[in-house]
PDB file of N, CA and C in Angstrom:
ATOM      1  N   MET A   1      -8.329  60.687  -6.290  1.00  0.00           N
ATOM      2  CA  MET A   1      -8.736  59.181  -5.318  1.00  0.00           C
ATOM      3  C   MET A   1      -8.800  59.969  -3.949  1.00  0.00           C
ATOM      4  N   PRO A   2      -9.915  59.351  -3.454  1.00  0.00           N
ATOM      5  CA  PRO A   2     -10.846  60.236  -2.524  1.00  0.00           C
ATOM      6  C   PRO A   2     -10.105  59.417  -1.276  1.00  0.00           C
ATOM      7  N   VAL A   3     -10.233  59.611  -0.148  1.00  0.00           N
ATOM      8  CA  VAL A   3      -9.241  59.661   0.647  1.00  0.00           C
ATOM      9  C   VAL A   3     -10.578  59.157   1.727  1.00  0.00           C
ATOM     10  N   VAL A   4     -10.007  58.078   2.722  1.00  0.00           N
ATOM     11  CA  VAL A   4     -11.366  57.793   4.282  1.00  0.00           C
ATOM     12  C   VAL A   4     -10.294  57.531   5.457  1.00  0.00           C
ATOM     13  N   PHE A   5     -10.387  58.589   6.449  1.00  0.00           N
ATOM     14  CA  PHE A   5     -10.356  58.136   7.774  1.00  0.00           C
ATOM     15  C   PHE A   5     -10.802  56.830   7.967  1.00  0.00           C
ATOM     16  N   VAL A   6     -10.092  55.953   9.030  1.00  0.00           N
ATOM     17  CA  VAL A   6     -10.448  54.707   9.640  1.00  0.00           C
ATOM     18  C   VAL A   6      -9.897  54.989  10.941  1.00  0.00           C
ATOM     19  N   ILE A   7     -10.213  55.073  12.273  1.00  0.00           N
ATOM     20  CA  ILE A   7      -9.777  55.689  13.274  1.00  0.00           C
ATOM     21  C   ILE A   7     -10.203  54.851  14.315  1.00  0.00           C
ATOM     22  N   ALA A   8      -9.579  53.866  14.465  1.00  0.00           N
ATOM     23  CA  ALA A   8     -10.241  52.649  15.626  1.00  0.00           C
ATOM     24  C   ALA A   8      -9.041  52.196  16.514  1.00  0.00           C
ATOM     25  N   LEU A   9      -9.203  51.826  18.106  1.00  0.00           N
ATOM     26  CA  LEU A   9      -8.265  51.290  18.748  1.00  0.00           C
ATOM     27  C   LEU A   9      -8.206  50.040  18.251  1.00  0.00           C
ATOM     28  N   ASP A  10      -9.500  49.427  17.988  1.00  0.00           N
ATOM     29  CA  ASP A  10      -9.824  47.923  17.544  1.00  0.00           C
ATOM     30  C   ASP A  10      -8.815  47.842  16.668  1.00  0.00           C
ATOM     31  N   TRP A  11      -8.143  47.015  16.404  1.00  0.00           N
ATOM     32  CA  TRP A  11      -6.940  46.978  15.412  1.00  0.00           C
ATOM     33  C   TRP A  11      -7.331  46.143  14.541  1.00  0.00           C
ATOM     34  N   THR A  12      -8.944  45.194  14.454  1.00  0.00           N
ATOM     35  CA  THR A  12      -9.380  44.701  13.595  1.00  0.00           C
ATOM     36  C   THR A  12     -10.418  45.341  12.593  1.00  0.00           C
ATOM     37  N   LEU A  13     -11.033  45.734  13.892  1.00  0.00           N
ATOM     38  CA  LEU A  13     -12.038  47.117  13.039  1.00  0.00           C
ATOM     39  C   LEU A  13     -11.047  47.830  12.220  1.00  0.00           C
ATOM     40  N   ARG A  14     -10.475  48.044  12.525  1.00  0.00           N
ATOM     41  CA  ARG A  14      -9.258  49.408  11.517  1.00  0.00           C
ATOM     42  C   ARG A  14      -9.282  48.197  10.313  1.00  0.00           C
ATOM     43  N   THR A  15      -8.336  47.316  10.671  1.00  0.00           N
ATOM     44  CA  THR A  15      -7.211  46.964   9.010  1.00  0.00           C
ATOM     45  C   THR A  15      -8.544  46.402   8.425  1.00  0.00           C
ATOM     46  N   THR A  16      -9.677  45.572   8.884  1.00  0.00           N
ATOM     47  CA  THR A  16     -10.567  45.134   8.242  1.00  0.00           C
ATOM     48  C   THR A  16     -11.583  46.001   7.087  1.00  0.00           C
ATOM     49  N   VAL A  17     -11.824  47.112   7.730  1.00  0.00           N
ATOM     50  CA  VAL A  17     -12.763  48.598   6.276  1.00  0.00           C
ATOM     51  C   VAL A  17     -11.754  48.810   6.122  1.00  0.00           C
ATOM     52  N   ARG A  18     -10.219  49.041   6.178  1.00  0.00           N
ATOM     53  CA  ARG A  18      -9.398  49.967   5.415  1.00  0.00           C
ATOM     54  C   ARG A  18      -9.199  48.933   4.560  1.00  0.00           C
ATOM     55  N   ALA A  19      -9.095  47.537   4.782  1.00  0.00           N
ATOM     56  CA  ALA A  19      -8.213  46.313   3.268  1.00  0.00           C
ATOM     57  C   ALA A  19      -9.622  46.332   2.492  1.00  0.00           C
ATOM     58  N   GLN A  20     -11.208  46.737   2.768  1.00  0.00           N
ATOM     59  CA  GLN A  20     -12.015  46.503   1.861  1.00  0.00           C
ATOM     60  C   GLN A  20     -12.071  47.105   1.064  1.00  0.00           C
ATOM     61  N   LEU A  21     -11.972  48.801   1.701  1.00  0.00           N
ATOM     62  CA  LEU A  21     -12.256  50.365   0.891  1.00  0.00           C
ATOM     63  C   LEU A  21     -11.024  50.228   0.019  1.00  0.00           C
ATOM     64  N   ARG A  22      -9.740  49.572   0.286  1.00  0.00           N
ATOM     65  CA  ARG A  22      -8.656  49.666  -0.409  1.00  0.00           C
ATOM     66  C   ARG A  22      -8.621  48.535  -1.929  1.00  0.00           C
ATOM     67  N   GLU A  23      -9.572  47.815  -1.209  1.00  0.00           N
ATOM     68  CA  GLU A  23     -10.246  46.709  -2.132  1.00  0.00           C
ATOM     69  C   GLU A  23     -10.652  47.393  -3.808  1.00  0.00           C
ATOM     70  N   LEU A  24     -11.239  48.600  -3.054  1.00  0.00           N
ATOM     71  CA  LEU A  24     -12.202  48.867  -3.911  1.00  0.00           C
ATOM     72  C   LEU A  24     -12.024  50.135  -4.903  1.00  0.00           C
ATOM     73  N   GLY A  25     -10.243  50.399  -4.227  1.00  0.00           N
ATOM     74  CA  GLY A  25      -9.819  51.260  -5.064  1.00  0.00           C
ATOM     75  C   GLY A  25      -9.813  53.002  -4.138  1.00  0.00           C
ATOM     76  N   ILE A  26     -10.288  52.828  -3.397  1.00  0.00           N
ATOM     77  CA  ILE A  26     -10.695  53.736  -1.823  1.00  0.00           C
ATOM     78  C   ILE A  26      -8.921  54.047  -1.471  1.00  0.00           C
ATOM     79  N   ASP A  27      -7.797  55.129  -0.871  1.00  0.00           N
ATOM     80  CA  ASP A  27      -7.243  55.817  -0.547  1.00  0.00           C
ATOM     81  C   ASP A  27      -8.167  55.795   1.392  1.00  0.00           C
ATOM     82  N   ALA A  28      -7.843  54.149   1.605  1.00  0.00           N
ATOM     83  CA  ALA A  28      -7.858  54.182   3.297  1.00  0.00           C
ATOM     84  C   ALA A  28      -6.925  54.330   4.223  1.00  0.00           C
ATOM     85  N   LEU A  29      -6.647  54.946   5.199  1.00  0.00           N
ATOM     86  CA  LEU A  29      -5.682  55.565   6.231  1.00  0.00           C
ATOM     87  C   LEU A  29      -6.150  54.781   7.254  1.00  0.00           C
ATOM     88  N   GLY A  30      -5.432  53.947   7.911  1.00  0.00           N
ATOM     89  CA  GLY A  30      -5.997  53.151   9.658  1.00  0.00           C
ATOM     90  C   GLY A  30      -4.939  54.377  10.025  1.00  0.00           C
ATOM     91  N   MET A  31      -5.637  54.648  11.618  1.00  0.00           N
ATOM     92  CA  MET A  31      -5.257  55.561  12.442  1.00  0.00           C
ATOM     93  C   MET A  31      -5.574  54.508  13.622  1.00  0.00           C
ATOM     94  N   ASP A  32      -4.731  55.003  15.023  1.00  0.00           N
ATOM     95  CA  ASP A  32      -5.334  54.337  16.374  1.00  0.00           C
ATOM     96  C   ASP A  32      -5.240  55.335  17.131  1.00  0.00           C
ATOM     97  N   SER A  33      -5.093  56.988  17.099  1.00  0.00           N
ATOM     98  CA  SER A  33      -4.766  58.171  17.900  1.00  0.00           C
ATOM     99  C   SER A  33      -4.380  59.252  17.232  1.00  0.00           C
ATOM    100  N   PRO A  34      -5.422  60.150  18.249  1.00  0.00           N
ATOM    101  CA  PRO A  34      -5.335  61.428  17.368  1.00  0.00           C
ATOM    102  C   PRO A  34      -3.743  61.842  17.083  1.00  0.00           C
ATOM    103  N   ASP A  35      -2.878  61.466  17.247  1.00  0.00           N
ATOM    104  CA  ASP A  35      -1.675  61.678  16.787  1.00  0.00           C
ATOM    105  C   ASP A  35      -1.374  61.464  15.337  1.00  0.00           C
ATOM    106  N   ASP A  36      -1.596  60.620  15.194  1.00  0.00           N
ATOM    107  CA  ASP A  36      -2.093  59.765  13.653  1.00  0.00           C
ATOM    108  C   ASP A  36      -2.755  60.521  13.210  1.00  0.00           C
ATOM    109  N   VAL A  37      -3.824  61.251  13.387  1.00  0.00           N
ATOM    110  CA  VAL A  37      -4.727  62.181  12.164  1.00  0.00           C
ATOM    111  C   VAL A  37      -4.188  63.809  11.909  1.00  0.00           C
ATOM    112  N   GLY A  38      -3.120  63.446  13.385  1.00  0.00           N
ATOM    113  CA  GLY A  38      -2.945  65.238  13.295  1.00  0.00           C
ATOM    114  C   GLY A  38      -1.698  65.028  11.984  1.00  0.00           C
ATOM    115  N   ARG A  39      -0.786  64.166  12.311  1.00  0.00           N
ATOM    116  CA  ARG A  39       0.220  63.947  11.044  1.00  0.00           C
ATOM    117  C   ARG A  39      -0.091  63.588   9.673  1.00  0.00           C
ATOM    118  N   ALA A  40      -1.318  63.143  10.033  1.00  0.00           N
ATOM    119  CA  ALA A  40      -2.470  62.692   8.352  1.00  0.00           C
ATOM    120  C   ALA A  40      -2.955  64.100   7.667  1.00  0.00           C
ATOM    121  N   VAL A  41      -3.121  64.883   8.707  1.00  0.00           N
ATOM    122  CA  VAL A  41      -3.619  66.576   8.139  1.00  0.00           C
ATOM    123  C   VAL A  41      -2.828  67.319   7.497  1.00  0.00           C
ATOM    124  N   ALA A  42      -1.534  67.229   8.940  1.00  0.00           N
ATOM    125  CA  ALA A  42      -0.836  68.114   8.549  1.00  0.00           C
ATOM    126  C   ALA A  42      -0.018  67.878   7.021  1.00  0.00           C
ATOM    127  N   GLU A  43       0.059  66.624   6.336  1.00  0.00           N
ATOM    128  CA  GLU A  43       0.913  66.378   5.575  1.00  0.00           C
ATOM    129  C   GLU A  43      -0.257  66.283   4.408  1.00  0.00           C
ATOM    130  N   GLY A  44      -1.332  66.626   4.801  1.00  0.00           N
ATOM    131  CA  GLY A  44      -2.150  67.116   2.897  1.00  0.00           C
ATOM    132  C   GLY A  44      -3.334  66.352   2.930  1.00  0.00           C
ATOM    133  N   GLN A  45      -3.582  65.075   3.716  1.00  0.00           N
ATOM    134  CA  GLN A  45      -4.445  64.064   3.736  1.00  0.00           C
ATOM    135  C   GLN A  45      -5.353  64.722   4.676  1.00  0.00           C
ATOM    136  N   LEU A  46      -6.316  65.155   3.368  1.00  0.00           N
ATOM    137  CA  LEU A  46      -7.901  65.785   4.132  1.00  0.00           C
ATOM    138  C   LEU A  46      -8.781  64.208   3.677  1.00  0.00           C
ATOM    139  N   PRO A  47      -9.808  63.976   4.749  1.00  0.00           N
ATOM    140  CA  PRO A  47     -11.003  62.817   4.428  1.00  0.00           C
ATOM    141  C   PRO A  47     -12.097  63.668   3.660  1.00  0.00           C
ATOM    142  N   SER A  48     -12.280  62.550   2.826  1.00  0.00           N
ATOM    143  CA  SER A  48     -13.756  62.695   2.474  1.00  0.00           C
ATOM    144  C   SER A  48     -14.855  62.317   2.799  1.00  0.00           C
ATOM    145  N   VAL A  49     -14.544  61.048   4.007  1.00  0.00           N
ATOM    146  CA  VAL A  49     -15.590  60.587   4.757  1.00  0.00           C
ATOM    147  C   VAL A  49     -13.960  60.265   6.247  1.00  0.00           C
ATOM    148  N   VAL A  50     -14.730  59.570   7.448  1.00  0.00           N
ATOM    149  CA  VAL A  50     -13.759  59.245   8.526  1.00  0.00           C
ATOM    150  C   VAL A  50     -15.027  58.532   9.169  1.00  0.00           C
ATOM    151  N   VAL A  51     -14.657  57.172   9.361  1.00  0.00           N
ATOM    152  CA  VAL A  51     -14.760  56.172  10.190  1.00  0.00           C
ATOM    153  C   VAL A  51     -14.434  56.258  11.476  1.00  0.00           C
ATOM    154  N   LEU A  52     -14.515  55.923  12.383  1.00  0.00           N
ATOM    155  CA  LEU A  52     -14.842  56.603  13.694  1.00  0.00           C
ATOM    156  C   LEU A  52     -15.495  55.340  15.159  1.00  0.00           C
ATOM    157  N   GLU A  53     -14.422  54.802  15.969  1.00  0.00           N
ATOM    158  CA  GLU A  53     -14.783  54.068  16.931  1.00  0.00           C
ATOM    159  C   GLU A  53     -14.830  54.747  17.686  1.00  0.00           C
ATOM    160  N   ALA A  54     -15.979  54.562  18.437  1.00  0.00           N
ATOM    161  CA  ALA A  54     -16.524  55.725  19.671  1.00  0.00           C
ATOM    162  C   ALA A  54     -15.718  55.221  20.620  1.00  0.00           C
ATOM    163  N   ALA A  55     -14.709  55.712  20.812  1.00  0.00           N
ATOM    164  CA  ALA A  55     -13.915  55.102  21.955  1.00  0.00           C
ATOM    165  C   ALA A  55     -13.221  56.176  22.862  1.00  0.00           C
ATOM    166  N   ALA A  56     -13.136  56.479  24.347  1.00  0.00           N
ATOM    167  CA  ALA A  56     -12.873  57.452  25.198  1.00  0.00           C
ATOM    168  C   ALA A  56     -11.567  58.060  24.360  1.00  0.00           C
ATOM    169  N   PRO A  57     -10.633  57.542  24.618  1.00  0.00           N
ATOM    170  CA  PRO A  57      -9.314  57.996  24.291  1.00  0.00           C
ATOM    171  C   PRO A  57      -9.360  58.567  22.411  1.00  0.00           C
ATOM    172  N   VAL A  58     -10.242  58.511  22.010  1.00  0.00           N
ATOM    173  CA  VAL A  58      -9.519  58.776  20.402  1.00  0.00           C
ATOM    174  C   VAL A  58     -11.127  59.818  20.615  1.00  0.00           C
ATOM    175  N   ALA A  59     -12.039  59.435  20.825  1.00  0.00           N
ATOM    176  CA  ALA A  59     -13.717  60.082  20.941  1.00  0.00           C
ATOM    177  C   ALA A  59     -13.492  61.740  21.236  1.00  0.00           C
ATOM    178  N   ASP A  60     -13.230  61.153  21.989  1.00  0.00           N
ATOM    179  CA  ASP A  60     -13.248  62.526  22.960  1.00  0.00           C
ATOM    180  C   ASP A  60     -12.072  63.667  22.956  1.00  0.00           C
ATOM    181  N   HIS A  61     -11.069  63.302  21.721  1.00  0.00           N
ATOM    182  CA  HIS A  61     -10.228  64.228  21.811  1.00  0.00           C
ATOM    183  C   HIS A  61     -10.925  65.515  21.410  1.00  0.00           C
ATOM    184  N   PRO A  62     -10.479  67.018  21.307  1.00  0.00           N
ATOM    185  CA  PRO A  62     -10.792  67.720  20.599  1.00  0.00           C
ATOM    186  C   PRO A  62     -10.646  68.097  19.488  1.00  0.00           C
ATOM    187  N   ALA A  63      -9.887  67.331  19.065  1.00  0.00           N
ATOM    188  CA  ALA A  63      -8.671  68.046  17.236  1.00  0.00           C
ATOM    189  C   ALA A  63      -9.991  66.504  16.691  1.00  0.00           C
ATOM    190  N   ILE A  64     -10.222  65.375  17.113  1.00  0.00           N
ATOM    191  CA  ILE A  64     -11.246  64.781  16.492  1.00  0.00           C
ATOM    192  C   ILE A  64     -12.421  65.046  15.999  1.00  0.00           C
ATOM    193  N   ARG A  65     -13.000  65.698  17.694  1.00  0.00           N
ATOM    194  CA  ARG A  65     -14.403  66.206  17.194  1.00  0.00           C
ATOM    195  C   ARG A  65     -14.502  67.287  16.150  1.00  0.00           C
ATOM    196  N   THR A  66     -13.196  67.853  16.427  1.00  0.00           N
ATOM    197  CA  THR A  66     -13.531  68.953  15.215  1.00  0.00           C
ATOM    198  C   THR A  66     -13.646  68.430  13.845  1.00  0.00           C
ATOM    199  N   LEU A  67     -12.551  67.695  13.677  1.00  0.00           N
ATOM    200  CA  LEU A  67     -12.310  66.817  12.135  1.00  0.00           C
ATOM    201  C   LEU A  67     -13.946  66.143  11.844  1.00  0.00           C
ATOM    202  N   VAL A  68     -14.591  65.716  13.166  1.00  0.00           N
ATOM    203  CA  VAL A  68     -15.955  65.263  12.710  1.00  0.00           C
ATOM    204  C   VAL A  68     -17.256  66.125  12.416  1.00  0.00           C
ATOM    205  N   GLU A  69     -16.716  67.863  13.252  1.00  0.00           N
ATOM    206  CA  GLU A  69     -17.689  68.305  12.697  1.00  0.00           C
ATOM    207  C   GLU A  69     -17.691  69.028  11.439  1.00  0.00           C
ATOM    208  N   ARG A  70     -16.384  68.629  10.440  1.00  0.00           N
ATOM    209  CA  ARG A  70     -16.409  69.106   9.455  1.00  0.00           C
ATOM    210  C   ARG A  70     -16.337  67.977   8.272  1.00  0.00           C
ATOM    211  N   VAL A  71     -16.283  66.921   8.488  1.00  0.00           N
ATOM    212  CA  VAL A  71     -16.399  65.866   7.425  1.00  0.00           C
ATOM    213  C   VAL A  71     -17.816  64.732   8.024  1.00  0.00           C
ATOM    214  N   PRO A  72     -17.744  64.877   7.042  1.00  0.00           N
ATOM    215  CA  PRO A  72     -19.182  62.919   7.325  1.00  0.00           C
ATOM    216  C   PRO A  72     -18.398  62.255   7.741  1.00  0.00           C
ATOM    217  N   THR A  73     -19.134  61.098   8.833  1.00  0.00           N
ATOM    218  CA  THR A  73     -18.706  60.902   9.883  1.00  0.00           C
ATOM    219  C   THR A  73     -19.381  59.105   9.912  1.00  0.00           C
ATOM    220  N   ILE A  74     -18.979  58.140   9.748  1.00  0.00           N
ATOM    221  CA  ILE A  74     -19.599  57.021  10.495  1.00  0.00           C
ATOM    222  C   ILE A  74     -18.837  56.670  12.353  1.00  0.00           C
ATOM    223  N   LEU A  75     -19.656  56.794  13.180  1.00  0.00           N
ATOM    224  CA  LEU A  75     -19.581  56.630  13.825  1.00  0.00           C
ATOM    225  C   LEU A  75     -19.408  54.848  14.531  1.00  0.00           C
ATOM    226  N   ILE A  76     -18.859  54.268  15.257  1.00  0.00           N
ATOM    227  CA  ILE A  76     -19.321  53.141  15.489  1.00  0.00           C
ATOM    228  C   ILE A  76     -19.019  52.794  16.871  1.00  0.00           C
ATOM    229  N   ALA A  77     -20.277  52.913  17.475  1.00  0.00           N
ATOM    230  CA  ALA A  77     -20.504  52.722  18.893  1.00  0.00           C
ATOM    231  C   ALA A  77     -20.904  51.303  19.860  1.00  0.00           C
ATOM    232  N   SER A  78     -20.640  51.241  20.619  1.00  0.00           N
ATOM    233  CA  SER A  78     -20.687  50.311  21.570  1.00  0.00           C
ATOM    234  C   SER A  78     -22.030  50.348  21.954  1.00  0.00           C
ATOM    235  N   ARG A  79     -22.930  48.917  22.428  1.00  0.00           N
ATOM    236  CA  ARG A  79     -24.207  49.301  23.119  1.00  0.00           C
ATOM    237  C   ARG A  79     -24.371  49.675  24.386  1.00  0.00           C
ATOM    238  N   THR A  80     -22.431  48.872  25.266  1.00  0.00           N
ATOM    239  CA  THR A  80     -22.261  48.664  26.369  1.00  0.00           C
ATOM    240  C   THR A  80     -21.708  50.163  27.437  1.00  0.00           C
ATOM    241  N   GLU A  81     -20.497  50.106  26.492  1.00  0.00           N
ATOM    242  CA  GLU A  81     -19.352  51.021  27.098  1.00  0.00           C
ATOM    243  C   GLU A  81     -20.431  52.553  26.655  1.00  0.00           C
ATOM    244  N   THR A  82     -20.253  53.477  27.928  1.00  0.00           N
ATOM    245  CA  THR A  82     -20.622  54.931  28.286  1.00  0.00           C
ATOM    246  C   THR A  82     -19.545  55.615  27.530  1.00  0.00           C
ATOM    247  N   VAL A  83     -19.332  56.669  26.308  1.00  0.00           N
ATOM    248  CA  VAL A  83     -18.879  57.570  26.060  1.00  0.00           C
ATOM    249  C   VAL A  83     -19.731  58.556  25.196  1.00  0.00           C
ATOM    250  N   PRO A  84     -19.112  59.759  25.918  1.00  0.00           N
ATOM    251  CA  PRO A  84     -20.144  60.753  24.952  1.00  0.00           C
ATOM    252  C   PRO A  84     -19.663  60.745  23.378  1.00  0.00           C
ATOM    253  N   LEU A  85     -20.823  60.869  22.875  1.00  0.00           N
ATOM    254  CA  LEU A  85     -20.805  60.119  21.181  1.00  0.00           C
ATOM    255  C   LEU A  85     -20.519  61.704  20.475  1.00  0.00           C
ATOM    256  N   PRO A  86     -19.960  62.106  19.445  1.00  0.00           N
ATOM    257  CA  PRO A  86     -19.633  63.181  19.410  1.00  0.00           C
ATOM    258  C   PRO A  86     -20.591  63.043  17.816  1.00  0.00           C
ATOM    259  N   PRO A  87     -21.333  64.077  17.737  1.00  0.00           N
ATOM    260  CA  PRO A  87     -21.997  64.242  16.281  1.00  0.00           C
ATOM    261  C   PRO A  87     -21.895  63.668  15.211  1.00  0.00           C
ATOM    262  N   ALA A  88     -22.108  62.844  14.702  1.00  0.00           N
ATOM    263  CA  ALA A  88     -22.168  62.424  13.413  1.00  0.00           C
ATOM    264  C   ALA A  88     -23.120  61.669  12.226  1.00  0.00           C
ATOM    265  N   ARG A  89     -22.799  62.146  11.493  1.00  0.00           N
ATOM    266  CA  ARG A  89     -24.010  61.937  10.163  1.00  0.00           C
ATOM    267  C   ARG A  89     -24.792  60.771  10.496  1.00  0.00           C
ATOM    268  N   ALA A  90     -23.780  59.289  10.904  1.00  0.00           N
ATOM    269  CA  ALA A  90     -24.502  57.918  11.363  1.00  0.00           C
ATOM    270  C   ALA A  90     -23.747  57.701  12.268  1.00  0.00           C
ATOM    271  N   VAL A  91     -24.341  56.660  12.843  1.00  0.00           N
ATOM    272  CA  VAL A  91     -24.044  55.802  14.093  1.00  0.00           C
ATOM    273  C   VAL A  91     -24.403  54.713  13.904  1.00  0.00           C
ATOM    274  N   LEU A  92     -23.324  53.402  14.076  1.00  0.00           N
ATOM    275  CA  LEU A  92     -23.915  52.128  13.945  1.00  0.00           C
ATOM    276  C   LEU A  92     -23.420  51.521  15.310  1.00  0.00           C
ATOM    277  N   TYR A  93     -24.388  50.748  15.680  1.00  0.00           N
ATOM    278  CA  TYR A  93     -24.254  50.443  16.776  1.00  0.00           C
ATOM    279  C   TYR A  93     -23.626  48.789  16.978  1.00  0.00           C
ATOM    280  N   ARG A  94     -22.432  48.565  17.363  1.00  0.00           N
ATOM    281  CA  ARG A  94     -22.052  46.564  17.478  1.00  0.00           C
ATOM    282  C   ARG A  94     -22.692  45.664  17.522  1.00  0.00           C
ATOM    283  N   PRO A  95     -22.573  44.501  17.171  1.00  0.00           N
ATOM    284  CA  PRO A  95     -21.728  44.069  16.657  1.00  0.00           C
ATOM    285  C   PRO A  95     -22.536  44.611  15.259  1.00  0.00           C
ATOM    286  N   VAL A  96     -21.662  45.399  13.934  1.00  0.00           N
ATOM    287  CA  VAL A  96     -22.025  45.908  13.041  1.00  0.00           C
ATOM    288  C   VAL A  96     -21.125  45.030  12.011  1.00  0.00           C
ATOM    289  N   ARG A  97     -21.708  44.669  10.555  1.00  0.00           N
ATOM    290  CA  ARG A  97     -21.373  44.495  10.050  1.00  0.00           C
ATOM    291  C   ARG A  97     -20.379  45.093   8.716  1.00  0.00           C
ATOM    292  N   ILE A  98     -19.105  44.651   8.333  1.00  0.00           N
ATOM    293  CA  ILE A  98     -18.362  45.902   7.457  1.00  0.00           C
ATOM    294  C   ILE A  98     -18.670  45.787   6.057  1.00  0.00           C
ATOM    295  N   GLU A  99     -19.546  45.020   5.746  1.00  0.00           N
ATOM    296  CA  GLU A  99     -20.514  45.409   4.180  1.00  0.00           C
ATOM    297  C   GLU A  99     -21.340  46.338   4.520  1.00  0.00           C
ATOM    298  N   GLU A 100     -22.148  46.894   5.645  1.00  0.00           N
ATOM    299  CA  GLU A 100     -22.981  48.036   6.445  1.00  0.00           C
ATOM    300  C   GLU A 100     -21.867  48.908   6.420  1.00  0.00           C
ATOM    301  N   ILE A 101     -20.265  49.226   6.737  1.00  0.00           N
ATOM    302  CA  ILE A 101     -19.736  50.342   7.222  1.00  0.00           C
ATOM    303  C   ILE A 101     -19.505  51.044   6.174  1.00  0.00           C
ATOM    304  N   ILE A 102     -18.955  49.812   5.060  1.00  0.00           N
ATOM    305  CA  ILE A 102     -18.740  50.243   3.495  1.00  0.00           C
ATOM    306  C   ILE A 102     -19.539  50.875   2.738  1.00  0.00           C
ATOM    307  N   ALA A 103     -20.705  50.521   2.871  1.00  0.00           N
ATOM    308  CA  ALA A 103     -22.029  50.646   1.962  1.00  0.00           C
ATOM    309  C   ALA A 103     -22.195  52.357   2.422  1.00  0.00           C
ATOM    310  N   ARG A 104     -22.178  52.702   3.532  1.00  0.00           N
ATOM    311  CA  ARG A 104     -22.554  54.112   4.399  1.00  0.00           C
ATOM    312  C   ARG A 104     -21.073  54.930   3.779  1.00  0.00           C
ATOM    313  N   VAL A 105     -19.902  54.421   3.491  1.00  0.00           N
ATOM    314  CA  VAL A 105     -18.406  54.735   2.950  1.00  0.00           C
ATOM    315  C   VAL A 105     -18.742  55.124   1.489  1.00  0.00           C
ATOM    316  N   ARG A 106     -19.012  54.334   0.930  1.00  0.00           N
ATOM    317  CA  ARG A 106     -19.021  54.702  -0.504  1.00  0.00           C
ATOM    318  C   ARG A 106     -20.901  55.599  -0.713  1.00  0.00           C
ATOM    319  N   ARG A 107     -21.681  55.561   0.266  1.00  0.00           N
ATOM    320  CA  ARG A 107     -23.147  56.670  -0.173  1.00  0.00           C
ATOM    321  C   ARG A 107     -22.251  57.732  -0.066  1.00  0.00           C
ATOM    322  N   TRP A 108     -21.206  58.060   0.553  1.00  0.00           N
ATOM    323  CA  TRP A 108     -21.216  59.774   0.915  1.00  0.00           C
ATOM    324  C   TRP A 108     -19.641  60.091   0.162  1.00  0.00           C
ATOM    325  N   LEU A 109     -18.868  59.215  -0.460  1.00  0.00           N
ATOM    326  CA  LEU A 109     -18.038  59.174  -1.392  1.00  0.00           C
ATOM    327  C   LEU A 109     -18.280  60.253  -2.218  1.00  0.00           C
ATOM    328  N   PRO A 110     -17.292  61.709  -2.916  1.00  0.00           N
ATOM    329  CA  PRO A 110     -17.762  62.549  -3.758  1.00  0.00           C
ATOM    330  C   PRO A 110     -18.247  62.069  -5.374  1.00  0.00           C
ATOM    331  N   GLU A 111     -19.479  62.132  -5.895  1.00  0.00           N
ATOM    332  CA  GLU A 111     -19.870  61.704  -6.818  1.00  0.00           C
ATOM    333  C   GLU A 111     -18.768  61.290  -7.795  1.00  0.00           C
ATOM    334  N   GLY A 112     -18.877  60.229  -8.671  1.00  0.00           N
ATOM    335  CA  GLY A 112     -17.280  59.684  -9.215  1.00  0.00           C
ATOM    336  C   GLY A 112     -16.726  58.662  -8.590  1.00  0.00           C
ATOM    337  N   HIS A 113     -16.762  58.377  -7.835  1.00  0.00           N
ATOM    338  CA  HIS A 113     -15.880  58.480  -6.574  1.00  0.00           C
ATOM    339  C   HIS A 113     -16.433  56.441  -6.189  1.00  0.00           C
ATOM    340  N   ALA A 114     -17.635  56.282  -6.164  1.00  0.00           N
ATOM    341  CA  ALA A 114     -18.442  55.382  -5.017  1.00  0.00           C
ATOM    342  C   ALA A 114     -18.340  54.062  -6.199  1.00  0.00           C
ATOM    343  N   THR A 115     -16.897  53.739  -6.440  1.00  0.00           N
ATOM    344  CA  THR A 115     -16.622  52.256  -7.396  1.00  0.00           C
ATOM    345  C   THR A 115     -17.525  50.944  -6.763  1.00  0.00           C
TER     346      THR A 115
END
């Protein structure tokens, strides 16, 4: 089963995206800090896709930047908050519909897992 990391300080974004992915049979892990990401990777959880909220304490972290360089990432960014954006496969600006995020995730999952 593919794994998707949903990394966001905004709990409503994190839980809503995670719940929708899980309804589709995708193992989605919700995280709100670089430490959470580090623990998941240390436990052998490697994502197929990352959904990342562009928030300074998280998106600026070196470990998160390294993950974004290696894994297809959908960055959820604000048009008003100025945060250096890590390189990502897609940037979706708020307001964004959850369905749009889910469609991008499904597009990038390994063949046969985009339920």
